[in-house]
Structure formats: C-alpha cells, structure tokens
Amino acid sequence: GGDKKDANNTNSSKQEASSNKNPQAAHSVEMEIPFVLTRYFTRKHKKKQINIETATKTKLTIPKPPKQQPKESKEPKQGDDDADADDALRLVKIRISSSDATDDGIKHCKAAKYLIHKMLRSFEEHPERFQPKEIGGGTFAEQAQAKARKEREREQRKQTSKDHPNKNV
C-alpha cells in the first residue's frame, strides 16, 4: 500500500518542478569576445561550451560562425592573411544566462564569466593555441613518416612501461 503513495509523491514533485521552470532566463550577462574564441568553444562537438555550462549551471548563447566559401585553389590569396587577422580582431557578443531566480543565478553567471575571462587572457598570451587545427593529409611520403613516428613513440612508451620499477610482476 505504501508504494502507491511514494509513486504519487514522486509524480507530484515532478509536476511541480516542471511547472516552476521558466523559459525566460532569470539572470543574463552579455560579454564580447574575439570571434576566434567562438570557434574554440564550438569545435569538437562544443566540448568547451558544454563543460562551462555544466560546471556553472548556465547556458551560453554563442552566435553561429558564417559559413566559409570553399577554396578553389590551394594558393594563398593576398587577402587570406587579412581575413585571419580580422577574425582575431572582430568581437562577438555572447550571452551567459542562468534560469535560477535567486542570488545563486547571479553567482553562476559570474562564475561562467570568470571562466571565459580566463580563457580570454590565455588567448591574449598564447593566440596560437586557439587557431584551428590543421586538417590531416599531406603527401603519401609525409603520411608514411608520421605513421612511422607514431609507431616508434608507441613502442618507446611500451618499452618504458615494461622497464618501470613500480610495475607489478
């Protein structure tokens, strides 16, 4: 008999929780960051963005980057370097929002803003870390060299792990 009461209580608490959710954010903060950082947030399946959102219980709204035109030739044009420099200088507004209507919502927004600010400082000190990764490829000879190098490194790691004194025998 007690099981039905427990089931009813959990259902009513779920209904109360869903009715308390407000689709509009209770607290939000806007912040301007370089466009390059938005690419950094959204690469690798938005891993950085999701980590910040999870850690701070906030939602980041980042504008989508414009689609790039396919390159017709591999020769760099004179304007390409300028376009990369423009991306670094161009600022984009992002919105940090929290659905918590209490003071905790403000704290969550401040925490997210702090994490993004730290990332911005890191970008200013080491901009090369935030550049898009090179897409694999190269000539067949370069690919073979890279594969051989990786195999050598793997063998060296195996050898050092075998020689490690703390390894259980």
Protein backbone atom coordinates (compact mmCIF):
# COMPACT_ATOMS: atom_id res chain seq x y z
CA GLY A 1 0.00 0.00 0.00
CA GLY A 2 2.89 2.41 0.78
CA ASP A 3 4.37 2.00 -2.69
CA LYS A 4 1.44 3.77 -4.34
CA LYS A 5 1.79 6.77 -2.04
CA ASP A 6 5.51 7.05 -2.83
CA ALA A 7 4.79 6.83 -6.56
CA ASN A 8 2.17 9.56 -6.28
CA ASN A 9 4.53 11.79 -4.32
CA THR A 10 7.28 11.49 -6.94
CA ASN A 11 4.83 12.27 -9.74
CA SER A 12 3.53 15.37 -7.99
CA SER A 13 7.06 16.62 -7.28
CA LYS A 14 7.94 16.15 -10.96
CA GLN A 15 4.88 18.14 -11.98
CA GLU A 16 5.78 20.94 -9.55
CA ALA A 17 9.34 21.05 -10.87
CA SER A 18 8.18 21.25 -14.47
CA SER A 19 5.66 23.98 -13.67
CA ASN A 20 8.34 26.02 -11.86
CA LYS A 21 10.62 26.09 -14.90
CA ASN A 22 10.66 29.48 -16.52
CA PRO A 23 11.53 29.51 -20.23
CA GLN A 24 12.92 33.03 -19.86
CA ALA A 25 16.31 33.32 -18.18
CA ALA A 26 16.23 34.83 -14.70
CA HIS A 27 19.72 36.34 -14.97
CA SER A 28 21.81 37.02 -18.02
CA VAL A 29 25.06 38.78 -18.83
CA GLU A 30 26.43 39.78 -22.22
CA MET A 31 30.12 39.65 -22.95
CA GLU A 32 32.21 40.50 -26.01
CA ILE A 33 34.90 38.04 -27.03
CA PRO A 34 37.04 37.66 -30.16
CA PHE A 35 35.45 35.62 -32.93
CA VAL A 36 38.34 33.14 -32.77
CA LEU A 37 37.24 32.14 -29.27
CA THR A 38 33.75 31.30 -30.51
CA ARG A 39 35.33 28.81 -32.89
CA TYR A 40 37.29 27.38 -29.96
CA PHE A 41 34.10 26.97 -27.90
CA THR A 42 32.23 25.20 -30.65
CA ARG A 43 34.83 22.82 -32.05
CA LYS A 44 34.95 19.16 -31.03
CA HIS A 45 31.18 18.93 -30.55
CA LYS A 46 31.03 22.07 -28.38
CA LYS A 47 33.11 20.41 -25.67
CA LYS A 48 34.37 23.66 -24.09
CA GLN A 49 30.94 25.25 -24.16
CA ILE A 50 29.29 22.21 -22.59
CA ASN A 51 31.96 21.96 -19.88
CA ILE A 52 31.46 25.60 -18.86
CA GLU A 53 27.68 25.25 -18.94
CA THR A 54 27.81 22.12 -16.79
CA ALA A 55 30.31 23.49 -14.29
CA THR A 56 28.49 26.79 -13.78
CA LYS A 57 24.85 25.73 -14.31
CA THR A 58 24.40 28.35 -17.02
CA LYS A 59 23.57 28.47 -20.71
CA LEU A 60 25.93 30.10 -23.21
CA THR A 61 24.39 31.56 -26.34
CA ILE A 62 27.08 31.87 -28.99
CA PRO A 63 26.28 33.15 -32.49
CA LYS A 64 26.97 30.70 -35.29
CA PRO A 65 30.02 31.48 -37.40
CA PRO A 66 29.38 32.38 -41.03
CA LYS A 67 29.94 29.52 -43.45
CA GLN A 68 33.25 29.73 -45.25
CA GLN A 69 33.42 29.63 -49.00
CA PRO A 70 35.19 26.56 -50.39
CA LYS A 71 38.70 27.32 -51.54
CA GLU A 72 39.17 26.87 -55.25
CA SER A 73 42.94 26.75 -55.17
CA LYS A 74 45.48 25.95 -52.50
CA GLU A 75 47.50 29.04 -53.30
CA PRO A 76 47.00 31.63 -50.57
CA LYS A 77 45.50 34.84 -51.77
CA GLN A 78 46.77 38.14 -50.52
CA GLY A 79 43.57 38.76 -48.58
CA ASP A 80 43.67 35.44 -46.64
CA ASP A 81 46.11 36.69 -44.02
CA ASP A 82 43.99 39.78 -43.56
CA ALA A 83 40.87 37.63 -43.08
CA ASP A 84 42.55 35.67 -40.27
CA ALA A 85 43.67 38.89 -38.64
CA ASP A 86 40.14 40.27 -38.95
CA ASP A 87 38.75 37.18 -37.18
CA ALA A 88 41.13 37.76 -34.29
CA LEU A 89 40.11 41.42 -34.01
CA ARG A 90 36.38 41.03 -34.65
CA LEU A 91 34.34 40.94 -31.45
CA VAL A 92 31.21 38.87 -31.00
CA LYS A 93 28.62 39.21 -28.23
CA ILE A 94 27.80 36.07 -26.29
CA ARG A 95 25.08 35.74 -23.68
CA ILE A 96 25.54 33.92 -20.39
CA SER A 97 22.19 33.12 -18.80
CA SER A 98 21.01 31.29 -15.72
CA SER A 99 17.48 30.08 -15.06
CA ASP A 100 17.95 30.37 -11.29
CA ALA A 101 15.95 33.35 -9.99
CA THR A 102 17.87 33.58 -6.70
CA ASP A 103 21.26 35.06 -5.87
CA ASP A 104 22.75 31.75 -6.96
CA GLY A 105 21.81 32.60 -10.55
CA ILE A 106 23.93 35.74 -10.36
CA LYS A 107 26.80 33.72 -8.89
CA HIS A 108 26.53 31.15 -11.67
CA CYS A 109 26.68 33.87 -14.32
CA LYS A 110 29.69 35.46 -12.64
CA ALA A 111 31.46 32.10 -12.46
CA ALA A 112 30.89 31.47 -16.17
CA LYS A 113 32.05 35.00 -16.99
CA TYR A 114 35.18 34.42 -14.92
CA LEU A 115 35.99 31.17 -16.77
CA ILE A 116 35.53 32.88 -20.13
CA HIS A 117 37.65 35.81 -18.95
CA LYS A 118 40.45 33.39 -18.01
CA MET A 119 40.20 31.85 -21.47
CA LEU A 120 40.37 35.35 -22.97
CA ARG A 121 43.56 36.09 -21.02
CA SER A 122 45.04 32.82 -22.22
CA PHE A 123 44.12 33.77 -25.78
CA GLU A 124 45.89 37.11 -25.39
CA GLU A 125 49.04 35.40 -24.10
CA HIS A 126 49.05 32.40 -26.48
CA PRO A 127 46.89 33.09 -29.56
CA GLU A 128 48.45 30.20 -31.49
CA ARG A 129 46.72 27.70 -29.18
CA PHE A 130 43.31 28.89 -30.32
CA GLN A 131 43.89 28.65 -34.05
CA PRO A 132 42.02 25.96 -36.00
CA LYS A 133 43.83 22.65 -36.17
CA GLU A 134 45.43 21.57 -39.42
CA ILE A 135 43.39 19.02 -41.28
CA GLY A 136 45.31 15.79 -41.84
CA GLY A 137 46.77 14.93 -45.14
CA GLY A 138 49.95 15.82 -46.86
CA THR A 139 51.75 13.73 -49.40
CA PHE A 140 51.88 9.95 -49.10
CA ALA A 141 55.52 10.21 -48.02
CA GLU A 142 54.61 12.66 -45.23
CA GLN A 143 51.78 10.39 -44.09
CA ALA A 144 54.15 7.40 -44.00
CA GLN A 145 56.69 9.38 -41.98
CA ALA A 146 54.03 10.47 -39.49
CA LYS A 147 52.78 6.90 -39.14
CA ALA A 148 56.31 5.57 -38.58
CA ARG A 149 57.00 8.29 -36.00
CA LYS A 150 53.80 7.45 -34.10
CA GLU A 151 54.66 3.75 -34.10
CA ARG A 152 58.17 4.49 -32.76
CA GLU A 153 56.68 6.63 -29.99
CA ARG A 154 54.19 3.88 -29.13
CA GLU A 155 56.99 1.29 -28.95
CA GLN A 156 59.06 3.59 -26.73
CA ARG A 157 56.12 4.04 -24.36
CA LYS A 158 55.63 0.27 -24.20
CA GLN A 159 59.32 -0.26 -23.51
CA THR A 160 59.45 2.35 -20.75
CA SER A 161 56.34 0.90 -19.11
CA LYS A 162 57.96 -2.57 -19.09
CA ASP A 163 61.12 -1.17 -17.51
CA HIS A 164 59.24 0.81 -14.87
CA PRO A 165 60.34 -0.32 -11.35
CA ASN A 166 56.88 0.02 -9.77
CA LYS A 167 55.22 -2.36 -12.19
CA ASN A 168 53.71 -5.42 -10.52
CA VAL A 169 55.27 -8.69 -11.61
